[in-house]
Amino acid sequence: MDDSKSEIRFLGDMTKLHLEPGDMLVLQLDTRISNEQFDRLNEQMAEIFGKRRVIILDAGMKLGAVTPPR
């Protein structure tokens, strides 16, 4: 497998993401979290990823986008 051309490389249960400038991260959780847990996750993501924008979705929330035809 040529990793230089892959955007995601599977490492067991983990994946390696190739993030581009301006990309936003979305963290999907299976359960609901408290405000304190949200704040702690947000702080940890900022420590790891810097100023990159992060969206945290809990309790099975999903986020999508639709682009109209051009």
PDB file of N, CA and C in Angstrom:
ATOM      1  N   MET A   1       0.848  -1.186   0.000  1.00  0.00           N
ATOM      2  CA  MET A   1       0.000   0.000   0.000  1.00  0.00           C
ATOM      3  C   MET A   1       0.889   1.243   0.000  1.00  0.00           C
ATOM      4  N   ASP A   2       0.643   2.146  -0.889  1.00  0.00           N
ATOM      5  CA  ASP A   2       1.432   3.366  -1.000  1.00  0.00           C
ATOM      6  C   ASP A   2       0.812   4.439  -0.119  1.00  0.00           C
ATOM      7  N   ASP A   3       1.371   4.627   1.094  1.00  0.00           N
ATOM      8  CA  ASP A   3       0.803   5.568   2.059  1.00  0.00           C
ATOM      9  C   ASP A   3       0.905   7.012   1.599  1.00  0.00           C
ATOM     10  N   SER A   4       1.828   7.320   0.709  1.00  0.00           N
ATOM     11  CA  SER A   4       1.974   8.708   0.278  1.00  0.00           C
ATOM     12  C   SER A   4       0.769   9.180  -0.520  1.00  0.00           C
ATOM     13  N   LYS A   5      -0.020   8.247  -1.068  1.00  0.00           N
ATOM     14  CA  LYS A   5      -1.199   8.623  -1.844  1.00  0.00           C
ATOM     15  C   LYS A   5      -2.489   8.402  -1.066  1.00  0.00           C
ATOM     16  N   SER A   6      -2.406   7.772   0.109  1.00  0.00           N
ATOM     17  CA  SER A   6      -3.595   7.481   0.905  1.00  0.00           C
ATOM     18  C   SER A   6      -3.893   8.631   1.847  1.00  0.00           C
ATOM     19  N   GLU A   7      -5.164   8.944   1.982  1.00  0.00           N
ATOM     20  CA  GLU A   7      -5.552   9.961   2.952  1.00  0.00           C
ATOM     21  C   GLU A   7      -5.727   9.346   4.327  1.00  0.00           C
ATOM     22  N   ILE A   8      -6.184   8.091   4.365  1.00  0.00           N
ATOM     23  CA  ILE A   8      -6.372   7.405   5.642  1.00  0.00           C
ATOM     24  C   ILE A   8      -5.647   6.065   5.567  1.00  0.00           C
ATOM     25  N   ARG A   9      -4.807   5.808   6.554  1.00  0.00           N
ATOM     26  CA  ARG A   9      -4.109   4.534   6.634  1.00  0.00           C
ATOM     27  C   ARG A   9      -4.586   3.849   7.905  1.00  0.00           C
ATOM     28  N   PHE A  10      -5.085   2.627   7.813  1.00  0.00           N
ATOM     29  CA  PHE A  10      -5.610   1.921   8.968  1.00  0.00           C
ATOM     30  C   PHE A  10      -4.474   1.312   9.768  1.00  0.00           C
ATOM     31  N   LEU A  11      -4.472   1.568  11.062  1.00  0.00           N
ATOM     32  CA  LEU A  11      -3.479   1.044  11.988  1.00  0.00           C
ATOM     33  C   LEU A  11      -4.220   0.267  13.063  1.00  0.00           C
ATOM     34  N   GLY A  12      -4.610  -0.953  12.765  1.00  0.00           N
ATOM     35  CA  GLY A  12      -5.429  -1.711  13.697  1.00  0.00           C
ATOM     36  C   GLY A  12      -6.777  -1.030  13.827  1.00  0.00           C
ATOM     37  N   ASP A  13      -7.146  -0.656  15.042  1.00  0.00           N
ATOM     38  CA  ASP A  13      -8.409   0.043  15.277  1.00  0.00           C
ATOM     39  C   ASP A  13      -8.278   1.554  15.110  1.00  0.00           C
ATOM     40  N   MET A  14      -7.093   2.026  14.790  1.00  0.00           N
ATOM     41  CA  MET A  14      -6.845   3.464  14.669  1.00  0.00           C
ATOM     42  C   MET A  14      -6.717   3.835  13.196  1.00  0.00           C
ATOM     43  N   THR A  15      -6.915   5.103  12.903  1.00  0.00           N
ATOM     44  CA  THR A  15      -6.703   5.592  11.548  1.00  0.00           C
ATOM     45  C   THR A  15      -5.774   6.792  11.592  1.00  0.00           C
ATOM     46  N   LYS A  16      -5.037   6.963  10.521  1.00  0.00           N
ATOM     47  CA  LYS A  16      -4.166   8.124  10.396  1.00  0.00           C
ATOM     48  C   LYS A  16      -4.831   9.077   9.419  1.00  0.00           C
ATOM     49  N   LEU A  17      -5.089  10.284   9.863  1.00  0.00           N
ATOM     50  CA  LEU A  17      -5.762  11.270   9.031  1.00  0.00           C
ATOM     51  C   LEU A  17      -4.749  12.177   8.366  1.00  0.00           C
ATOM     52  N   HIS A  18      -5.030  12.530   7.142  1.00  0.00           N
ATOM     53  CA  HIS A  18      -4.225  13.528   6.441  1.00  0.00           C
ATOM     54  C   HIS A  18      -5.052  14.805   6.435  1.00  0.00           C
ATOM     55  N   LEU A  19      -4.714  15.741   7.308  1.00  0.00           N
ATOM     56  CA  LEU A  19      -5.479  16.977   7.442  1.00  0.00           C
ATOM     57  C   LEU A  19      -4.880  18.061   6.566  1.00  0.00           C
ATOM     58  N   GLU A  20      -5.740  18.764   5.870  1.00  0.00           N
ATOM     59  CA  GLU A  20      -5.340  19.880   5.024  1.00  0.00           C
ATOM     60  C   GLU A  20      -5.570  21.182   5.792  1.00  0.00           C
ATOM     61  N   PRO A  21      -4.857  22.243   5.442  1.00  0.00           N
ATOM     62  CA  PRO A  21      -5.106  23.542   6.080  1.00  0.00           C
ATOM     63  C   PRO A  21      -6.584  23.923   5.948  1.00  0.00           C
ATOM     64  N   GLY A  22      -7.159  24.372   7.043  1.00  0.00           N
ATOM     65  CA  GLY A  22      -8.563  24.767   7.038  1.00  0.00           C
ATOM     66  C   GLY A  22      -9.534  23.636   7.338  1.00  0.00           C
ATOM     67  N   ASP A  23      -9.053  22.376   7.366  1.00  0.00           N
ATOM     68  CA  ASP A  23      -9.937  21.259   7.695  1.00  0.00           C
ATOM     69  C   ASP A  23     -10.452  21.405   9.119  1.00  0.00           C
ATOM     70  N   MET A  24     -11.666  20.942   9.341  1.00  0.00           N
ATOM     71  CA  MET A  24     -12.291  20.959  10.653  1.00  0.00           C
ATOM     72  C   MET A  24     -12.438  19.508  11.110  1.00  0.00           C
ATOM     73  N   LEU A  25     -12.226  19.243  12.378  1.00  0.00           N
ATOM     74  CA  LEU A  25     -12.381  17.904  12.931  1.00  0.00           C
ATOM     75  C   LEU A  25     -13.770  17.747  13.529  1.00  0.00           C
ATOM     76  N   VAL A  26     -14.344  16.546  13.381  1.00  0.00           N
ATOM     77  CA  VAL A  26     -15.632  16.227  13.987  1.00  0.00           C
ATOM     78  C   VAL A  26     -15.431  14.984  14.843  1.00  0.00           C
ATOM     79  N   LEU A  27     -15.722  15.096  16.131  1.00  0.00           N
ATOM     80  CA  LEU A  27     -15.623  13.984  17.064  1.00  0.00           C
ATOM     81  C   LEU A  27     -17.036  13.526  17.384  1.00  0.00           C
ATOM     82  N   GLN A  28     -17.385  12.277  16.997  1.00  0.00           N
ATOM     83  CA  GLN A  28     -18.723  11.742  17.251  1.00  0.00           C
ATOM     84  C   GLN A  28     -18.659  10.781  18.431  1.00  0.00           C
ATOM     85  N   LEU A  29     -19.513  11.003  19.412  1.00  0.00           N
ATOM     86  CA  LEU A  29     -19.575  10.169  20.606  1.00  0.00           C
ATOM     87  C   LEU A  29     -20.873   9.378  20.607  1.00  0.00           C
ATOM     88  N   ASP A  30     -20.843   8.185  21.212  1.00  0.00           N
ATOM     89  CA  ASP A  30     -22.039   7.348  21.282  1.00  0.00           C
ATOM     90  C   ASP A  30     -22.963   7.735  22.424  1.00  0.00           C
ATOM     91  N   THR A  31     -22.419   8.401  23.428  1.00  0.00           N
ATOM     92  CA  THR A  31     -23.211   8.732  24.608  1.00  0.00           C
ATOM     93  C   THR A  31     -23.232  10.236  24.836  1.00  0.00           C
ATOM     94  N   ARG A  32     -24.138  10.639  25.689  1.00  0.00           N
ATOM     95  CA  ARG A  32     -24.237  12.043  26.059  1.00  0.00           C
ATOM     96  C   ARG A  32     -23.150  12.365  27.081  1.00  0.00           C
ATOM     97  N   ILE A  33     -22.602  13.592  27.018  1.00  0.00           N
ATOM     98  CA  ILE A  33     -21.566  13.992  27.969  1.00  0.00           C
ATOM     99  C   ILE A  33     -21.999  15.261  28.699  1.00  0.00           C
ATOM    100  N   SER A  34     -21.399  15.467  29.861  1.00  0.00           N
ATOM    101  CA  SER A  34     -21.718  16.656  30.660  1.00  0.00           C
ATOM    102  C   SER A  34     -20.991  17.870  30.086  1.00  0.00           C
ATOM    103  N   ASN A  35     -21.371  19.043  30.555  1.00  0.00           N
ATOM    104  CA  ASN A  35     -20.684  20.270  30.140  1.00  0.00           C
ATOM    105  C   ASN A  35     -19.207  20.229  30.533  1.00  0.00           C
ATOM    106  N   GLU A  36     -18.921  19.667  31.718  1.00  0.00           N
ATOM    107  CA  GLU A  36     -17.537  19.568  32.167  1.00  0.00           C
ATOM    108  C   GLU A  36     -16.734  18.646  31.253  1.00  0.00           C
ATOM    109  N   GLN A  37     -17.321  17.510  30.866  1.00  0.00           N
ATOM    110  CA  GLN A  37     -16.643  16.594  29.949  1.00  0.00           C
ATOM    111  C   GLN A  37     -16.426  17.252  28.586  1.00  0.00           C
ATOM    112  N   PHE A  38     -17.424  17.994  28.123  1.00  0.00           N
ATOM    113  CA  PHE A  38     -17.303  18.712  26.851  1.00  0.00           C
ATOM    114  C   PHE A  38     -16.137  19.697  26.913  1.00  0.00           C
ATOM    115  N   ASP A  39     -16.085  20.475  27.991  1.00  0.00           N
ATOM    116  CA  ASP A  39     -15.012  21.460  28.148  1.00  0.00           C
ATOM    117  C   ASP A  39     -13.639  20.790  28.175  1.00  0.00           C
ATOM    118  N   ARG A  40     -13.550  19.665  28.905  1.00  0.00           N
ATOM    119  CA  ARG A  40     -12.278  18.954  28.998  1.00  0.00           C
ATOM    120  C   ARG A  40     -11.864  18.395  27.633  1.00  0.00           C
ATOM    121  N   LEU A  41     -12.810  17.811  26.898  1.00  0.00           N
ATOM    122  CA  LEU A  41     -12.511  17.312  25.551  1.00  0.00           C
ATOM    123  C   LEU A  41     -12.058  18.435  24.633  1.00  0.00           C
ATOM    124  N   ASN A  42     -12.758  19.548  24.701  1.00  0.00           N
ATOM    125  CA  ASN A  42     -12.422  20.703  23.873  1.00  0.00           C
ATOM    126  C   ASN A  42     -10.998  21.191  24.176  1.00  0.00           C
ATOM    127  N   GLU A  43     -10.645  21.245  25.461  1.00  0.00           N
ATOM    128  CA  GLU A  43      -9.294  21.656  25.861  1.00  0.00           C
ATOM    129  C   GLU A  43      -8.244  20.669  25.359  1.00  0.00           C
ATOM    130  N   GLN A  44      -8.541  19.371  25.483  1.00  0.00           N
ATOM    131  CA  GLN A  44      -7.594  18.355  25.029  1.00  0.00           C
ATOM    132  C   GLN A  44      -7.398  18.420  23.519  1.00  0.00           C
ATOM    133  N   MET A  45      -8.466  18.618  22.778  1.00  0.00           N
ATOM    134  CA  MET A  45      -8.365  18.717  21.322  1.00  0.00           C
ATOM    135  C   MET A  45      -7.539  19.943  20.945  1.00  0.00           C
ATOM    136  N   ALA A  46      -7.710  21.049  21.661  1.00  0.00           N
ATOM    137  CA  ALA A  46      -6.935  22.262  21.377  1.00  0.00           C
ATOM    138  C   ALA A  46      -5.451  22.030  21.657  1.00  0.00           C
ATOM    139  N   GLU A  47      -5.146  21.282  22.727  1.00  0.00           N
ATOM    140  CA  GLU A  47      -3.749  20.971  23.041  1.00  0.00           C
ATOM    141  C   GLU A  47      -3.118  20.122  21.939  1.00  0.00           C
ATOM    142  N   ILE A  48      -3.877  19.182  21.415  1.00  0.00           N
ATOM    143  CA  ILE A  48      -3.357  18.261  20.402  1.00  0.00           C
ATOM    144  C   ILE A  48      -3.299  18.906  19.023  1.00  0.00           C
ATOM    145  N   PHE A  49      -4.376  19.576  18.632  1.00  0.00           N
ATOM    146  CA  PHE A  49      -4.510  20.053  17.256  1.00  0.00           C
ATOM    147  C   PHE A  49      -4.339  21.555  17.096  1.00  0.00           C
ATOM    148  N   GLY A  50      -4.051  22.267  18.171  1.00  0.00           N
ATOM    149  CA  GLY A  50      -3.841  23.707  18.070  1.00  0.00           C
ATOM    150  C   GLY A  50      -5.131  24.452  17.777  1.00  0.00           C
ATOM    151  N   LYS A  51      -5.055  25.401  16.860  1.00  0.00           N
ATOM    152  CA  LYS A  51      -6.202  26.270  16.588  1.00  0.00           C
ATOM    153  C   LYS A  51      -7.200  25.669  15.602  1.00  0.00           C
ATOM    154  N   ARG A  52      -6.988  24.415  15.192  1.00  0.00           N
ATOM    155  CA  ARG A  52      -7.918  23.768  14.263  1.00  0.00           C
ATOM    156  C   ARG A  52      -9.307  23.687  14.899  1.00  0.00           C
ATOM    157  N   ARG A  53     -10.328  23.948  14.127  1.00  0.00           N
ATOM    158  CA  ARG A  53     -11.697  23.906  14.648  1.00  0.00           C
ATOM    159  C   ARG A  53     -12.137  22.466  14.879  1.00  0.00           C
ATOM    160  N   VAL A  54     -12.826  22.254  16.003  1.00  0.00           N
ATOM    161  CA  VAL A  54     -13.302  20.928  16.378  1.00  0.00           C
ATOM    162  C   VAL A  54     -14.780  21.023  16.708  1.00  0.00           C
ATOM    163  N   ILE A  55     -15.569  20.095  16.165  1.00  0.00           N
ATOM    164  CA  ILE A  55     -16.988  19.969  16.511  1.00  0.00           C
ATOM    165  C   ILE A  55     -17.127  18.670  17.292  1.00  0.00           C
ATOM    166  N   ILE A  56     -17.791  18.726  18.440  1.00  0.00           N
ATOM    167  CA  ILE A  56     -18.016  17.536  19.252  1.00  0.00           C
ATOM    168  C   ILE A  56     -19.510  17.236  19.244  1.00  0.00           C
ATOM    169  N   LEU A  57     -19.860  16.048  18.740  1.00  0.00           N
ATOM    170  CA  LEU A  57     -21.252  15.615  18.665  1.00  0.00           C
ATOM    171  C   LEU A  57     -21.445  14.459  19.641  1.00  0.00           C
ATOM    172  N   ASP A  58     -22.432  14.566  20.526  1.00  0.00           N
ATOM    173  CA  ASP A  58     -22.667  13.470  21.460  1.00  0.00           C
ATOM    174  C   ASP A  58     -24.025  12.832  21.225  1.00  0.00           C
ATOM    175  N   ALA A  59     -24.288  11.750  21.952  1.00  0.00           N
ATOM    176  CA  ALA A  59     -25.572  11.049  21.951  1.00  0.00           C
ATOM    177  C   ALA A  59     -26.064  10.702  20.553  1.00  0.00           C
ATOM    178  N   GLY A  60     -25.174  10.205  19.706  1.00  0.00           N
ATOM    179  CA  GLY A  60     -25.578   9.764  18.378  1.00  0.00           C
ATOM    180  C   GLY A  60     -25.872  10.877  17.393  1.00  0.00           C
ATOM    181  N   MET A  61     -25.516  12.119  17.720  1.00  0.00           N
ATOM    182  CA  MET A  61     -25.740  13.230  16.790  1.00  0.00           C
ATOM    183  C   MET A  61     -24.900  13.011  15.540  1.00  0.00           C
ATOM    184  N   LYS A  62     -25.410  13.462  14.406  1.00  0.00           N
ATOM    185  CA  LYS A  62     -24.676  13.379  13.149  1.00  0.00           C
ATOM    186  C   LYS A  62     -24.699  14.744  12.490  1.00  0.00           C
ATOM    187  N   LEU A  63     -23.651  15.049  11.783  1.00  0.00           N
ATOM    188  CA  LEU A  63     -23.533  16.328  11.101  1.00  0.00           C
ATOM    189  C   LEU A  63     -23.309  16.060   9.624  1.00  0.00           C
ATOM    190  N   GLY A  64     -24.005  16.779   8.791  1.00  0.00           N
ATOM    191  CA  GLY A  64     -23.829  16.617   7.356  1.00  0.00           C
ATOM    192  C   GLY A  64     -23.956  17.954   6.670  1.00  0.00           C
ATOM    193  N   ALA A  65     -23.610  17.965   5.405  1.00  0.00           N
ATOM    194  CA  ALA A  65     -23.731  19.184   4.607  1.00  0.00           C
ATOM    195  C   ALA A  65     -24.182  18.800   3.208  1.00  0.00           C
ATOM    196  N   VAL A  66     -24.957  19.667   2.618  1.00  0.00           N
ATOM    197  CA  VAL A  66     -25.428  19.461   1.256  1.00  0.00           C
ATOM    198  C   VAL A  66     -24.998  20.663   0.437  1.00  0.00           C
ATOM    199  N   THR A  67     -24.406  20.396  -0.704  1.00  0.00           N
ATOM    200  CA  THR A  67     -24.010  21.464  -1.613  1.00  0.00           C
ATOM    201  C   THR A  67     -24.965  21.460  -2.797  1.00  0.00           C
ATOM    202  N   PRO A  68     -25.603  22.592  -3.084  1.00  0.00           N
ATOM    203  CA  PRO A  68     -26.531  22.620  -4.217  1.00  0.00           C
ATOM    204  C   PRO A  68     -25.779  22.453  -5.533  1.00  0.00           C
ATOM    205  N   PRO A  69     -26.459  21.919  -6.554  1.00  0.00           N
ATOM    206  CA  PRO A  69     -25.811  21.781  -7.859  1.00  0.00           C
ATOM    207  C   PRO A  69     -25.398  23.140  -8.399  1.00  0.00           C
ATOM    208  N   ARG A  70     -24.317  23.172  -9.131  1.00  0.00           N
ATOM    209  CA  ARG A  70     -23.830  24.437  -9.708  1.00  0.00           C
ATOM    210  C   ARG A  70     -24.140  24.491 -11.172  1.00  0.00           C
TER     211      ARG A  70
END
